[in-house]
Amino acid sequence: MDEHIARIQEHKLRTVWQNEERDFTRWLAENIQLLGSELGIEIEDAHTEETVGDFSSDIVAREMNTGETVVIENQYGKTDHDHLGKLLTYSSGKNAGFTIWLAEEFRPEHRSVLEWLNESGPKDVKFFAIKPRVLSIENTDKRGFEFEVVVEPNDWEREITDESLSETERSYREFFADLVDDYSERRPHWSKLKPGPRNYLTFSAGISGVSFGWVFHQGPEFAVELYIQTSDAERNMAIFEALQEQSAEIEANLDTELVWQQLSDKRACRIKWPKPLEEKITQLSASQQAQLVEWGVDVMDSFQEEFEPRISTLNVD
């Protein structure tokens, strides 16, 4: 073997997190964006040991773009029937859209169960088997970490060409795929998202329930925006008003006039930078879409740069 090449060694999770429930589960909840990034989704608002009947799920969270519930069951060692039963119980009890089982080793029969559920189970639930791995380079003490996807929904990677989608849905997915690629180049450390066949794509602004987003609105228009929708309507308004008090400085820095909206019917608030469009997404030429992607990348970069530090220093609790 080349003297400059070393072997990779794999270690048990407990060499880093001694206790699965007390250490690893809590760490994962606090760093849930790492798992979301691996799957190409945006997971937020992760809670540990959430009650489901007489039991408690390891982690229950929310996928930001769809609003679907995410249920996560962690397990050290090799998978067993007990944890499979818990996983399905929690998924059913929480009406989960994403059901994720993390384990160090998956028995073939358990992997087959998740594959069968993705193939023949409820169509609105996506089942994943994920192997968390602690790695190091041979003869070094420094550890690294990664997720290995063992099972995923059959169409998870080919949804972009799904013939069941409408022309509009395909147009949204293709547009946001280009935008995500370009924004990832602009911000290499940004967690790259998996575009869906929807008129919007959002990602966390650093506070649960507050998100940055690119959105197509009626008009038609395309907008870069900050959407505020926590579970507390009063807190939504407090965040909105705290930012609105800084509106003169924000708009001067961005050199534009923003739209500040209180959405009373949704108990939410929105701050947006809109761009009117001449046509709907399906009627835009390739050149027009490319220009719109460029606008979306430039504006979101400035928008995020302006709002992110302000959001991080808000005191509205």
Protein backbone atom coordinates (compact mmCIF):
# COMPACT_ATOMS: atom_id res chain seq x y z
CA MET A 1 0.00 0.00 0.00
CA ASP A 2 1.18 3.52 -0.80
CA GLU A 3 2.84 4.98 2.31
CA HIS A 4 0.72 8.13 1.94
CA ILE A 5 -2.53 6.15 2.06
CA ALA A 6 -3.91 4.86 5.37
CA ARG A 7 -6.80 2.56 6.17
CA ILE A 8 -10.09 3.84 7.54
CA GLN A 9 -11.13 2.35 10.86
CA GLU A 10 -14.71 2.19 12.13
CA HIS A 11 -15.56 2.51 15.82
CA LYS A 12 -18.59 1.79 17.96
CA LEU A 13 -20.83 4.80 18.60
CA ARG A 14 -20.37 4.39 22.35
CA THR A 15 -16.65 5.27 21.98
CA VAL A 16 -17.88 8.84 21.38
CA TRP A 17 -21.36 8.81 22.94
CA GLN A 18 -21.31 6.41 25.87
CA ASN A 19 -25.06 6.19 26.34
CA GLU A 20 -27.49 5.95 23.41
CA GLU A 21 -30.40 7.79 25.06
CA ARG A 22 -28.58 10.27 27.24
CA ASP A 23 -25.71 11.12 24.88
CA PHE A 24 -26.24 10.16 21.23
CA THR A 25 -29.97 10.94 21.00
CA ARG A 26 -29.50 14.35 22.60
CA TRP A 27 -26.52 15.12 20.35
CA LEU A 28 -28.52 14.13 17.26
CA ALA A 29 -31.47 16.32 18.27
CA GLU A 30 -29.12 19.28 18.72
CA ASN A 31 -27.45 18.59 15.35
CA ILE A 32 -30.50 17.39 13.44
CA GLN A 33 -29.54 19.47 10.40
CA LEU A 34 -26.71 17.00 9.71
CA LEU A 35 -29.21 14.19 9.20
CA GLY A 36 -31.48 16.44 7.15
CA SER A 37 -28.58 17.45 4.91
CA GLU A 38 -27.76 13.80 4.23
CA LEU A 39 -31.34 13.15 3.11
CA GLY A 40 -31.71 16.46 1.26
CA ILE A 41 -34.51 17.74 3.50
CA GLU A 42 -34.81 20.43 6.15
CA ILE A 43 -35.54 19.00 9.62
CA GLU A 44 -36.31 21.35 12.51
CA ASP A 45 -37.92 21.56 15.94
CA ALA A 46 -36.49 18.24 17.16
CA HIS A 47 -37.75 17.01 20.55
CA THR A 48 -36.41 14.00 22.46
CA GLU A 49 -38.41 11.40 24.38
CA GLU A 50 -41.78 12.68 23.16
CA THR A 51 -44.75 10.74 24.50
CA VAL A 52 -46.66 8.37 22.21
CA GLY A 53 -49.35 6.70 24.31
CA ASP A 54 -47.55 4.78 27.08
CA PHE A 55 -44.23 4.99 25.22
CA SER A 56 -41.81 7.73 24.24
CA SER A 57 -40.18 8.24 20.84
CA ASP A 58 -36.45 9.00 20.73
CA ILE A 59 -36.88 12.07 18.50
CA VAL A 60 -39.91 13.73 16.93
CA ALA A 61 -39.28 16.64 14.56
CA ARG A 62 -40.77 18.45 11.56
CA GLU A 63 -39.77 18.67 7.90
CA MET A 64 -39.88 22.35 7.10
CA ASN A 65 -40.85 22.28 3.42
CA THR A 66 -43.79 19.88 3.79
CA GLY A 67 -44.73 20.35 7.44
CA GLU A 68 -44.68 16.56 7.83
CA THR A 69 -43.75 14.91 11.12
CA VAL A 70 -40.39 13.15 11.33
CA VAL A 71 -40.07 10.20 13.74
CA ILE A 72 -36.57 8.91 14.56
CA GLU A 73 -35.71 5.73 16.48
CA ASN A 74 -32.07 5.22 17.51
CA GLN A 75 -30.44 1.90 18.37
CA TYR A 76 -26.93 0.86 19.30
CA GLY A 77 -25.76 -2.46 17.93
CA LYS A 78 -27.77 -4.75 15.65
CA THR A 79 -31.46 -4.13 14.90
CA ASP A 80 -34.09 -6.19 16.72
CA HIS A 81 -37.84 -6.77 16.64
CA ASP A 82 -38.40 -4.67 19.76
CA HIS A 83 -37.08 -1.51 18.12
CA LEU A 84 -38.91 -2.28 14.87
CA GLY A 85 -42.17 -2.47 16.82
CA LYS A 86 -41.39 0.80 18.58
CA LEU A 87 -40.56 2.48 15.27
CA LEU A 88 -43.89 1.50 13.70
CA THR A 89 -45.83 2.38 16.87
CA TYR A 90 -44.31 5.86 17.03
CA SER A 91 -44.75 6.42 13.29
CA SER A 92 -48.43 5.51 13.46
CA GLY A 93 -49.04 7.43 16.69
CA LYS A 94 -47.51 10.60 15.30
CA ASN A 95 -48.91 10.16 11.76
CA ALA A 96 -45.35 10.56 10.49
CA GLY A 97 -44.45 11.49 6.94
CA PHE A 98 -40.81 10.48 7.52
CA THR A 99 -39.91 7.40 9.59
CA ILE A 100 -36.18 6.98 10.23
CA TRP A 101 -34.43 4.08 11.99
CA LEU A 102 -30.79 4.63 12.96
CA ALA A 103 -28.74 1.58 13.94
CA GLU A 104 -25.14 0.40 13.77
CA GLU A 105 -26.09 -2.77 11.91
CA PHE A 106 -29.31 -3.75 10.10
CA ARG A 107 -30.39 -7.39 9.99
CA PRO A 108 -31.37 -8.38 6.43
CA GLU A 109 -34.93 -9.20 7.52
CA HIS A 110 -35.38 -5.75 9.07
CA ARG A 111 -33.97 -4.04 6.01
CA SER A 112 -36.45 -6.06 3.94
CA VAL A 113 -39.35 -4.89 6.12
CA LEU A 114 -38.53 -1.22 5.49
CA GLU A 115 -38.10 -1.88 1.76
CA TRP A 116 -41.47 -3.64 1.71
CA LEU A 117 -43.12 -0.74 3.55
CA ASN A 118 -41.73 1.71 1.00
CA GLU A 119 -43.02 -0.52 -1.80
CA SER A 120 -46.40 -1.64 -0.44
CA GLY A 121 -47.10 0.39 2.71
CA PRO A 122 -48.87 3.73 3.16
CA LYS A 123 -48.05 5.96 0.18
CA ASP A 124 -47.66 9.12 2.24
CA VAL A 125 -44.98 7.68 4.57
CA LYS A 126 -41.29 7.44 3.69
CA PHE A 127 -39.14 4.87 5.53
CA PHE A 128 -35.37 5.18 5.93
CA ALA A 129 -32.69 2.96 7.46
CA ILE A 130 -29.58 4.95 8.35
CA LYS A 131 -26.28 3.69 9.71
CA PRO A 132 -24.42 6.33 11.78
CA ARG A 133 -20.68 5.70 11.54
CA VAL A 134 -17.73 6.89 13.63
CA LEU A 135 -14.53 6.71 11.60
CA SER A 136 -10.85 7.49 11.99
CA ILE A 137 -7.71 7.21 9.91
CA GLU A 138 -5.56 4.29 11.01
CA ASN A 139 -3.19 5.11 13.90
CA THR A 140 -4.80 8.48 14.66
CA ASP A 141 -7.03 9.49 17.56
CA LYS A 142 -9.15 12.04 15.71
CA ARG A 143 -12.67 10.78 14.93
CA GLY A 144 -15.00 11.64 12.08
CA PHE A 145 -18.70 10.99 11.62
CA GLU A 146 -21.01 10.22 8.71
CA PHE A 147 -24.45 8.80 7.91
CA GLU A 148 -24.75 5.85 5.53
CA VAL A 149 -28.18 5.46 3.91
CA VAL A 150 -29.10 1.75 3.94
CA VAL A 151 -32.77 1.96 2.90
CA GLU A 152 -34.67 4.82 1.30
CA PRO A 153 -37.96 5.13 -0.63
CA ASN A 154 -37.71 3.58 -4.09
CA ASP A 155 -38.38 6.84 -5.90
CA TRP A 156 -36.36 9.10 -3.58
CA GLU A 157 -33.64 9.76 -6.18
CA ARG A 158 -35.74 9.61 -9.34
CA GLU A 159 -38.67 11.80 -8.27
CA ILE A 160 -37.38 14.55 -10.55
CA THR A 161 -38.49 12.53 -13.60
CA ASP A 162 -41.68 11.12 -12.08
CA GLU A 163 -44.23 11.03 -14.89
CA SER A 164 -47.08 11.34 -12.39
CA LEU A 165 -46.12 14.98 -11.76
CA SER A 166 -47.93 17.73 -13.60
CA GLU A 167 -46.09 20.06 -15.96
CA THR A 168 -46.15 22.78 -13.30
CA GLU A 169 -44.78 20.44 -10.61
CA ARG A 170 -41.96 19.29 -12.87
CA SER A 171 -41.16 22.90 -13.73
CA TYR A 172 -40.92 23.85 -10.05
CA ARG A 173 -38.67 20.87 -9.28
CA GLU A 174 -36.34 21.53 -12.21
CA PHE A 175 -36.16 25.26 -11.45
CA PHE A 176 -35.33 24.74 -7.78
CA ALA A 177 -32.80 22.01 -8.64
CA ASP A 178 -30.85 24.59 -10.67
CA LEU A 179 -31.26 27.21 -7.95
CA VAL A 180 -30.04 24.83 -5.21
CA ASP A 181 -26.95 23.94 -7.24
CA ASP A 182 -26.08 27.59 -7.84
CA TYR A 183 -26.73 28.66 -4.25
CA SER A 184 -24.56 25.79 -2.99
CA GLU A 185 -21.72 27.14 -5.12
CA ARG A 186 -22.27 30.63 -3.71
CA ARG A 187 -22.38 29.32 -0.13
CA PRO A 188 -20.38 26.06 0.06
CA HIS A 189 -21.29 25.46 3.71
CA TRP A 190 -25.03 25.83 3.07
CA SER A 191 -26.96 22.57 3.64
CA LYS A 192 -28.00 21.55 0.14
CA LEU A 193 -31.72 20.74 -0.02
CA LYS A 194 -33.70 18.27 -2.13
CA PRO A 195 -36.17 20.28 -4.27
CA GLY A 196 -39.78 19.14 -4.29
CA PRO A 197 -42.53 19.60 -6.87
CA ARG A 198 -43.83 22.65 -5.02
CA ASN A 199 -43.91 26.40 -5.55
CA TYR A 200 -41.52 27.07 -2.67
CA LEU A 201 -38.25 25.95 -1.10
CA THR A 202 -37.37 26.97 2.47
CA PHE A 203 -34.57 26.49 4.97
CA SER A 204 -34.03 27.37 8.61
CA ALA A 205 -33.21 30.93 9.64
CA GLY A 206 -31.75 29.79 12.95
CA ILE A 207 -34.93 29.87 15.04
CA SER A 208 -37.49 27.08 15.05
CA GLY A 209 -40.50 28.16 13.01
CA VAL A 210 -38.63 30.94 11.17
CA SER A 211 -37.37 30.21 7.67
CA PHE A 212 -35.81 31.76 4.61
CA GLY A 213 -37.49 30.83 1.36
CA TRP A 214 -37.81 31.21 -2.38
CA VAL A 215 -41.51 31.28 -3.28
CA PHE A 216 -43.64 31.64 -6.39
CA HIS A 217 -46.78 33.66 -5.57
CA GLN A 218 -49.89 34.49 -7.55
CA GLY A 219 -49.50 37.61 -9.64
CA PRO A 220 -47.37 36.01 -10.86
CA GLU A 221 -44.29 36.90 -8.84
CA PHE A 222 -41.19 35.24 -7.44
CA ALA A 223 -40.00 36.27 -3.99
CA VAL A 224 -37.17 35.84 -1.55
CA GLU A 225 -38.67 35.98 1.90
CA LEU A 226 -38.50 35.41 5.63
CA TYR A 227 -41.52 33.46 6.90
CA ILE A 228 -42.38 33.52 10.60
CA GLN A 229 -44.72 30.78 11.78
CA THR A 230 -43.89 29.33 15.19
CA SER A 231 -46.59 27.58 17.23
CA ASP A 232 -47.15 30.79 19.21
CA ALA A 233 -48.97 33.62 17.38
CA GLU A 234 -47.81 36.20 19.92
CA ARG A 235 -44.20 35.14 19.47
CA ASN A 236 -44.60 35.41 15.69
CA MET A 237 -45.72 38.99 16.09
CA ALA A 238 -42.93 39.78 18.54
CA ILE A 239 -40.28 38.53 16.09
CA PHE A 240 -41.91 40.40 13.22
CA GLU A 241 -42.17 43.68 15.15
CA ALA A 242 -38.61 43.44 16.45
CA LEU A 243 -37.36 43.17 12.87
CA GLN A 244 -39.76 45.80 11.57
CA GLU A 245 -38.32 48.28 14.05
CA GLN A 246 -35.06 47.91 12.10
CA SER A 247 -36.75 48.17 8.70
CA ALA A 248 -35.22 51.53 7.71
CA GLU A 249 -31.69 50.27 8.25
CA ILE A 250 -32.43 46.88 6.66
CA GLU A 251 -33.94 48.39 3.52
CA ALA A 252 -31.12 50.93 3.24
CA ASN A 253 -28.53 48.14 3.43
CA LEU A 254 -30.38 46.07 0.83
CA ASP A 255 -31.12 49.13 -1.30
CA THR A 256 -34.73 48.06 -1.80
CA GLU A 257 -38.18 48.43 -0.26
CA LEU A 258 -39.40 45.18 1.28
CA VAL A 259 -42.98 44.03 1.79
CA TRP A 260 -43.86 43.55 5.48
CA GLN A 261 -47.00 41.43 5.91
CA GLN A 262 -49.00 40.28 8.94
CA LEU A 263 -50.94 37.21 7.80
CA SER A 264 -53.73 37.21 10.36
CA ASP A 265 -55.58 34.34 8.68
CA LYS A 266 -52.51 32.10 9.13
CA ARG A 267 -51.29 33.58 12.44
CA ALA A 268 -47.99 34.12 10.65
CA CYS A 269 -45.87 36.99 9.29
CA ARG A 270 -43.83 37.44 6.15
CA ILE A 271 -41.06 39.79 5.03
CA LYS A 272 -40.47 39.49 1.31
CA TRP A 273 -38.44 40.88 -1.56
CA PRO A 274 -40.72 40.30 -4.59
CA LYS A 275 -39.94 40.23 -8.29
CA PRO A 276 -42.97 40.53 -10.64
CA LEU A 277 -43.05 37.99 -13.48
CA GLU A 278 -44.54 38.31 -16.94
CA GLU A 279 -45.51 34.64 -17.15
CA LYS A 280 -46.10 31.60 -14.94
CA ILE A 281 -43.26 29.14 -14.38
CA THR A 282 -44.40 26.83 -17.21
CA GLN A 283 -44.35 29.69 -19.72
CA LEU A 284 -40.92 31.08 -18.89
CA SER A 285 -38.21 30.37 -21.46
CA ALA A 286 -34.97 28.63 -20.48
CA SER A 287 -33.21 31.98 -20.66
CA GLN A 288 -35.82 33.66 -18.43
CA GLN A 289 -35.56 30.84 -15.88
CA ALA A 290 -31.77 31.10 -15.84
CA GLN A 291 -32.02 34.85 -15.20
CA LEU A 292 -34.54 34.20 -12.43
CA VAL A 293 -32.25 31.64 -10.81
CA GLU A 294 -29.41 34.18 -10.91
CA TRP A 295 -31.67 36.81 -9.32
CA GLY A 296 -32.80 34.35 -6.64
CA VAL A 297 -29.23 33.44 -5.74
CA ASP A 298 -28.00 37.05 -5.59
CA VAL A 299 -30.97 38.34 -3.62
CA MET A 300 -31.08 35.44 -1.14
CA ASP A 301 -27.36 35.82 -0.50
CA SER A 302 -27.83 39.49 0.41
CA PHE A 303 -31.12 38.84 2.22
CA GLN A 304 -29.66 36.06 4.37
CA GLU A 305 -26.54 38.11 5.09
CA GLU A 306 -28.69 41.00 6.31
CA PHE A 307 -31.27 39.10 8.38
CA GLU A 308 -29.34 36.18 9.86
CA PRO A 309 -27.28 38.16 12.40
CA ARG A 310 -30.34 40.19 13.39
CA ILE A 311 -32.38 37.04 14.00
CA SER A 312 -29.60 35.45 16.06
CA THR A 313 -29.62 38.38 18.51
CA LEU A 314 -33.41 38.66 18.93
CA ASN A 315 -34.68 38.45 22.50
CA VAL A 316 -38.38 37.65 22.18
CA ASP A 317 -38.80 34.67 24.56
